[in-house]
Amino acid sequence: MKTTDKIIIIDLEATCWQGAVPAGQENEIIEIGLSVLNVHTGEISKNQGILVKPQRSTVSPFCTELTTITQDMLDKNGVYFAEAIEMLAEQYDPEDYTWASYGAYDLNMLQKQCKRFNVPYPMGRQHINVKVLFAETKGLAKPTGMNGALHILDIPLEGTHHRGVDDAKNIAKILHWCLQNQ
């Protein structure tokens, strides 16, 4: 049974490099940002970020500059991917909810990494691509980034861009606007 009064918003951050991926490394999730949107009231709850220790890569200086996440932060405060997915499943019951992300990257990355690490995929099948929904709802000729959508809606960016915990909350605000204006 799908619950439609709340939607889980997920924003992932992953290891990245300026230029090509270094030999022997691969893109890995380093933060799972989450928010829960009440579609009726617009209330955003359960806003959190789960820091994830990369197992097949390290955080580059470019990645830290972009996200503010350091390898040291992950070593001290992160959990391994399987544990992060277990926390997500236990705290959010995500298979019971529709979930959303800004674009298809998060959906694809989560599916790919679950498969790569042989971890059960935790999310339900109902996914909303907020990037596409916003472009359609606003009548844009082509989709815009999250920051662009916030600017168009005159909603200030809250927190740090490219931090999953903050971006999930900002995406929830865009999604709420879309649901109110369809």
C-alpha atoms as a PDB file:
ATOM      1  CA  MET A   1       0.000   0.000   0.000  1.00  0.00           C
ATOM      2  CA  LYS A   2       1.451   3.358  -1.058  1.00  0.00           C
ATOM      3  CA  THR A   3       1.136   6.275   1.302  1.00  0.00           C
ATOM      4  CA  THR A   4       0.436   9.429  -0.664  1.00  0.00           C
ATOM      5  CA  ASP A   5       0.304  12.083   2.049  1.00  0.00           C
ATOM      6  CA  LYS A   6       4.088  12.059   2.461  1.00  0.00           C
ATOM      7  CA  ILE A   7       6.909  11.862  -0.057  1.00  0.00           C
ATOM      8  CA  ILE A   8      10.530  11.048   0.788  1.00  0.00           C
ATOM      9  CA  ILE A   9      13.018  13.341  -0.955  1.00  0.00           C
ATOM     10  CA  ILE A  10      16.542  12.016  -1.427  1.00  0.00           C
ATOM     11  CA  ASP A  11      19.619  13.872  -2.585  1.00  0.00           C
ATOM     12  CA  LEU A  12      22.887  11.986  -2.941  1.00  0.00           C
ATOM     13  CA  GLU A  13      26.419  13.293  -2.933  1.00  0.00           C
ATOM     14  CA  ALA A  14      29.136  11.102  -4.405  1.00  0.00           C
ATOM     15  CA  THR A  15      32.893  11.066  -4.805  1.00  0.00           C
ATOM     16  CA  CYS A  16      33.902  13.138  -7.805  1.00  0.00           C
ATOM     17  CA  TRP A  17      36.990  14.477  -9.497  1.00  0.00           C
ATOM     18  CA  GLN A  18      37.858  17.348 -11.768  1.00  0.00           C
ATOM     19  CA  GLY A  19      38.397  15.455 -15.004  1.00  0.00           C
ATOM     20  CA  ALA A  20      38.613  11.697 -15.391  1.00  0.00           C
ATOM     21  CA  VAL A  21      38.008   9.218 -12.572  1.00  0.00           C
ATOM     22  CA  PRO A  22      41.435   8.124 -11.280  1.00  0.00           C
ATOM     23  CA  ALA A  23      42.494   4.570 -12.052  1.00  0.00           C
ATOM     24  CA  GLY A  24      41.268   2.106  -9.445  1.00  0.00           C
ATOM     25  CA  GLN A  25      38.525   4.415  -8.121  1.00  0.00           C
ATOM     26  CA  GLU A  26      34.824   4.791  -8.918  1.00  0.00           C
ATOM     27  CA  ASN A  27      32.007   7.192  -8.063  1.00  0.00           C
ATOM     28  CA  GLU A  28      30.494   6.241  -4.718  1.00  0.00           C
ATOM     29  CA  ILE A  29      27.778   7.709  -2.543  1.00  0.00           C
ATOM     30  CA  ILE A  30      29.236   9.697   0.359  1.00  0.00           C
ATOM     31  CA  GLU A  31      26.040  11.316   1.672  1.00  0.00           C
ATOM     32  CA  ILE A  32      22.371  10.405   1.574  1.00  0.00           C
ATOM     33  CA  GLY A  33      20.340  13.540   2.245  1.00  0.00           C
ATOM     34  CA  LEU A  34      16.725  12.938   3.226  1.00  0.00           C
ATOM     35  CA  SER A  35      13.599  14.966   3.884  1.00  0.00           C
ATOM     36  CA  VAL A  36       9.970  13.977   4.222  1.00  0.00           C
ATOM     37  CA  LEU A  37       7.401  16.306   2.654  1.00  0.00           C
ATOM     38  CA  ASN A  38       3.803  16.416   3.836  1.00  0.00           C
ATOM     39  CA  VAL A  39       2.073  17.034   0.493  1.00  0.00           C
ATOM     40  CA  HIS A  40      -0.947  18.687   2.116  1.00  0.00           C
ATOM     41  CA  THR A  41       0.717  21.125   4.527  1.00  0.00           C
ATOM     42  CA  GLY A  42       4.160  21.578   2.928  1.00  0.00           C
ATOM     43  CA  GLU A  43       5.794  20.675   6.247  1.00  0.00           C
ATOM     44  CA  ILE A  44       9.283  19.259   5.830  1.00  0.00           C
ATOM     45  CA  SER A  45      10.330  16.799   8.526  1.00  0.00           C
ATOM     46  CA  LYS A  46      12.982  14.190   9.236  1.00  0.00           C
ATOM     47  CA  ASN A  47      15.617  16.286   7.454  1.00  0.00           C
ATOM     48  CA  GLN A  48      18.937  14.486   7.865  1.00  0.00           C
ATOM     49  CA  GLY A  49      22.123  13.495   6.136  1.00  0.00           C
ATOM     50  CA  ILE A  50      23.672  10.058   6.451  1.00  0.00           C
ATOM     51  CA  LEU A  51      27.421  10.236   5.821  1.00  0.00           C
ATOM     52  CA  VAL A  52      28.734   7.191   3.966  1.00  0.00           C
ATOM     53  CA  LYS A  53      32.351   5.942   4.012  1.00  0.00           C
ATOM     54  CA  PRO A  54      33.527   5.247   0.464  1.00  0.00           C
ATOM     55  CA  GLN A  55      35.018   1.785   0.035  1.00  0.00           C
ATOM     56  CA  ARG A  56      36.345   2.010  -3.525  1.00  0.00           C
ATOM     57  CA  SER A  57      37.403   5.656  -3.730  1.00  0.00           C
ATOM     58  CA  THR A  58      38.610   8.605  -1.697  1.00  0.00           C
ATOM     59  CA  VAL A  59      37.293  12.154  -1.448  1.00  0.00           C
ATOM     60  CA  SER A  60      39.265  14.430  -3.784  1.00  0.00           C
ATOM     61  CA  PRO A  61      40.064  18.078  -3.030  1.00  0.00           C
ATOM     62  CA  PHE A  62      37.634  18.985  -5.861  1.00  0.00           C
ATOM     63  CA  CYS A  63      34.878  16.938  -4.177  1.00  0.00           C
ATOM     64  CA  THR A  64      35.533  18.641  -0.825  1.00  0.00           C
ATOM     65  CA  GLU A  65      35.446  22.052  -2.501  1.00  0.00           C
ATOM     66  CA  LEU A  66      32.092  21.196  -4.084  1.00  0.00           C
ATOM     67  CA  THR A  67      30.397  19.466  -1.141  1.00  0.00           C
ATOM     68  CA  THR A  68      32.377  20.576   1.970  1.00  0.00           C
ATOM     69  CA  ILE A  69      32.644  16.831   2.798  1.00  0.00           C
ATOM     70  CA  THR A  70      36.157  15.642   3.656  1.00  0.00           C
ATOM     71  CA  GLN A  71      37.605  12.143   3.797  1.00  0.00           C
ATOM     72  CA  ASP A  72      38.345  12.757   7.479  1.00  0.00           C
ATOM     73  CA  MET A  73      34.655  13.596   8.150  1.00  0.00           C
ATOM     74  CA  LEU A  74      33.603  10.324   6.552  1.00  0.00           C
ATOM     75  CA  ASP A  75      36.293   8.304   8.343  1.00  0.00           C
ATOM     76  CA  LYS A  76      35.173   9.698  11.719  1.00  0.00           C
ATOM     77  CA  ASN A  77      31.391  10.063  11.261  1.00  0.00           C
ATOM     78  CA  GLY A  78      30.424   7.917   8.292  1.00  0.00           C
ATOM     79  CA  VAL A  79      28.944   4.443   8.091  1.00  0.00           C
ATOM     80  CA  TYR A  80      29.431   1.872   5.361  1.00  0.00           C
ATOM     81  CA  PHE A  81      26.920   1.854   2.509  1.00  0.00           C
ATOM     82  CA  ALA A  82      25.103  -1.319   3.656  1.00  0.00           C
ATOM     83  CA  GLU A  83      24.584   0.221   7.118  1.00  0.00           C
ATOM     84  CA  ALA A  84      23.378   3.510   5.603  1.00  0.00           C
ATOM     85  CA  ILE A  85      20.770   1.637   3.539  1.00  0.00           C
ATOM     86  CA  GLU A  86      19.724  -0.326   6.619  1.00  0.00           C
ATOM     87  CA  MET A  87      19.272   2.962   8.541  1.00  0.00           C
ATOM     88  CA  LEU A  88      17.247   4.394   5.642  1.00  0.00           C
ATOM     89  CA  ALA A  89      14.992   1.329   5.546  1.00  0.00           C
ATOM     90  CA  GLU A  90      14.475   1.235   9.330  1.00  0.00           C
ATOM     91  CA  GLN A  91      13.872   4.959   9.840  1.00  0.00           C
ATOM     92  CA  TYR A  92      11.778   5.757   6.749  1.00  0.00           C
ATOM     93  CA  ASP A  93      10.005   2.571   5.531  1.00  0.00           C
ATOM     94  CA  PRO A  94      10.773   3.873   2.018  1.00  0.00           C
ATOM     95  CA  GLU A  95       9.109   1.008   0.136  1.00  0.00           C
ATOM     96  CA  ASP A  96       5.769   2.294   1.487  1.00  0.00           C
ATOM     97  CA  TYR A  97       6.184   5.797   0.067  1.00  0.00           C
ATOM     98  CA  THR A  98       6.600   7.582  -3.200  1.00  0.00           C
ATOM     99  CA  TRP A  99      10.042   9.123  -3.299  1.00  0.00           C
ATOM    100  CA  ALA A 100      11.542  11.977  -5.251  1.00  0.00           C
ATOM    101  CA  SER A 101      14.885  13.370  -6.343  1.00  0.00           C
ATOM    102  CA  TYR A 102      16.020  16.221  -8.549  1.00  0.00           C
ATOM    103  CA  GLY A 103      16.787  14.517 -11.855  1.00  0.00           C
ATOM    104  CA  ALA A 104      17.491  10.844 -12.546  1.00  0.00           C
ATOM    105  CA  TYR A 105      21.075  10.777 -11.207  1.00  0.00           C
ATOM    106  CA  ASP A 106      20.086   9.844  -7.636  1.00  0.00           C
ATOM    107  CA  LEU A 107      17.712   7.094  -8.772  1.00  0.00           C
ATOM    108  CA  ASN A 108      20.323   5.574 -11.099  1.00  0.00           C
ATOM    109  CA  MET A 109      23.210   5.960  -8.630  1.00  0.00           C
ATOM    110  CA  LEU A 110      21.286   4.347  -5.781  1.00  0.00           C
ATOM    111  CA  GLN A 111      20.223   1.399  -7.947  1.00  0.00           C
ATOM    112  CA  LYS A 112      23.745   0.971  -9.340  1.00  0.00           C
ATOM    113  CA  GLN A 113      25.474   1.085  -5.953  1.00  0.00           C
ATOM    114  CA  CYS A 114      22.977  -1.310  -4.349  1.00  0.00           C
ATOM    115  CA  LYS A 115      23.675  -3.777  -7.145  1.00  0.00           C
ATOM    116  CA  ARG A 116      27.452  -3.233  -6.976  1.00  0.00           C
ATOM    117  CA  PHE A 117      27.569  -3.847  -3.201  1.00  0.00           C
ATOM    118  CA  ASN A 118      24.888  -6.570  -3.250  1.00  0.00           C
ATOM    119  CA  VAL A 119      22.635  -4.549  -0.924  1.00  0.00           C
ATOM    120  CA  PRO A 120      18.827  -4.839  -1.255  1.00  0.00           C
ATOM    121  CA  TYR A 121      17.389  -1.774  -3.013  1.00  0.00           C
ATOM    122  CA  PRO A 122      15.356  -0.006  -0.319  1.00  0.00           C
ATOM    123  CA  MET A 123      13.081   2.301  -2.305  1.00  0.00           C
ATOM    124  CA  GLY A 124       9.588   1.821  -3.650  1.00  0.00           C
ATOM    125  CA  ARG A 125       8.970   1.865  -7.394  1.00  0.00           C
ATOM    126  CA  GLN A 126       7.096   5.192  -7.389  1.00  0.00           C
ATOM    127  CA  HIS A 127       9.686   7.899  -8.138  1.00  0.00           C
ATOM    128  CA  ILE A 128       9.116  11.558  -8.983  1.00  0.00           C
ATOM    129  CA  ASN A 129      11.765  13.331 -11.045  1.00  0.00           C
ATOM    130  CA  VAL A 130      11.337  16.846  -9.605  1.00  0.00           C
ATOM    131  CA  LYS A 131      13.569  18.376 -12.301  1.00  0.00           C
ATOM    132  CA  VAL A 132      11.223  17.195 -15.062  1.00  0.00           C
ATOM    133  CA  LEU A 133       8.078  17.913 -13.026  1.00  0.00           C
ATOM    134  CA  PHE A 134       9.230  21.487 -12.331  1.00  0.00           C
ATOM    135  CA  ALA A 135      10.019  22.142 -16.015  1.00  0.00           C
ATOM    136  CA  GLU A 136       6.595  20.770 -17.044  1.00  0.00           C
ATOM    137  CA  THR A 137       4.682  22.615 -14.293  1.00  0.00           C
ATOM    138  CA  LYS A 138       6.465  25.908 -14.988  1.00  0.00           C
ATOM    139  CA  GLY A 139       6.265  25.471 -18.777  1.00  0.00           C
ATOM    140  CA  LEU A 140      10.027  25.708 -19.292  1.00  0.00           C
ATOM    141  CA  ALA A 141      11.496  24.849 -22.691  1.00  0.00           C
ATOM    142  CA  LYS A 142      14.170  22.763 -20.958  1.00  0.00           C
ATOM    143  CA  PRO A 143      14.780  21.631 -17.366  1.00  0.00           C
ATOM    144  CA  THR A 144      16.895  23.771 -15.039  1.00  0.00           C
ATOM    145  CA  GLY A 145      19.078  22.873 -12.082  1.00  0.00           C
ATOM    146  CA  MET A 146      17.875  22.961  -8.503  1.00  0.00           C
ATOM    147  CA  ASN A 147      19.471  26.349  -7.856  1.00  0.00           C
ATOM    148  CA  GLY A 148      17.845  27.730 -11.013  1.00  0.00           C
ATOM    149  CA  ALA A 149      14.439  26.414  -9.924  1.00  0.00           C
ATOM    150  CA  LEU A 150      14.792  28.035  -6.499  1.00  0.00           C
ATOM    151  CA  HIS A 151      15.734  31.319  -8.199  1.00  0.00           C
ATOM    152  CA  ILE A 152      12.730  31.152 -10.560  1.00  0.00           C
ATOM    153  CA  LEU A 153      10.433  30.555  -7.565  1.00  0.00           C
ATOM    154  CA  ASP A 154      12.164  33.276  -5.523  1.00  0.00           C
ATOM    155  CA  ILE A 155      12.892  30.740  -2.760  1.00  0.00           C
ATOM    156  CA  PRO A 156      16.240  31.337  -1.053  1.00  0.00           C
ATOM    157  CA  LEU A 157      18.722  28.453  -1.035  1.00  0.00           C
ATOM    158  CA  GLU A 158      18.788  27.088   2.497  1.00  0.00           C
ATOM    159  CA  GLY A 159      22.071  25.647   3.749  1.00  0.00           C
ATOM    160  CA  THR A 160      24.980  24.595   1.557  1.00  0.00           C
ATOM    161  CA  HIS A 161      24.425  23.672  -2.090  1.00  0.00           C
ATOM    162  CA  HIS A 162      25.810  20.188  -2.844  1.00  0.00           C
ATOM    163  CA  ARG A 163      25.209  18.941   0.679  1.00  0.00           C
ATOM    164  CA  GLY A 164      22.577  16.222   0.507  1.00  0.00           C
ATOM    165  CA  VAL A 165      20.991  17.149   3.842  1.00  0.00           C
ATOM    166  CA  ASP A 166      20.384  20.731   2.647  1.00  0.00           C
ATOM    167  CA  ASP A 167      19.580  19.990  -0.991  1.00  0.00           C
ATOM    168  CA  ALA A 168      16.903  17.444   0.018  1.00  0.00           C
ATOM    169  CA  LYS A 169      15.113  20.182   1.964  1.00  0.00           C
ATOM    170  CA  ASN A 170      15.411  22.663  -0.930  1.00  0.00           C
ATOM    171  CA  ILE A 171      14.105  20.052  -3.383  1.00  0.00           C
ATOM    172  CA  ALA A 172      11.153  19.400  -1.051  1.00  0.00           C
ATOM    173  CA  LYS A 173      10.225  23.095  -1.309  1.00  0.00           C
ATOM    174  CA  ILE A 174      10.318  22.933  -5.125  1.00  0.00           C
ATOM    175  CA  LEU A 175       8.262  19.722  -5.126  1.00  0.00           C
ATOM    176  CA  HIS A 176       5.655  21.265  -2.826  1.00  0.00           C
ATOM    177  CA  TRP A 177       5.333  24.244  -5.198  1.00  0.00           C
ATOM    178  CA  CYS A 178       4.881  21.844  -8.127  1.00  0.00           C
ATOM    179  CA  LEU A 179       2.191  19.838  -6.340  1.00  0.00           C
ATOM    180  CA  GLN A 180       0.326  23.032  -5.418  1.00  0.00           C
ATOM    181  CA  ASN A 181       0.478  24.375  -8.990  1.00  0.00           C
ATOM    182  CA  GLN A 182      -0.358  21.375 -11.156  1.00  0.00           C
END
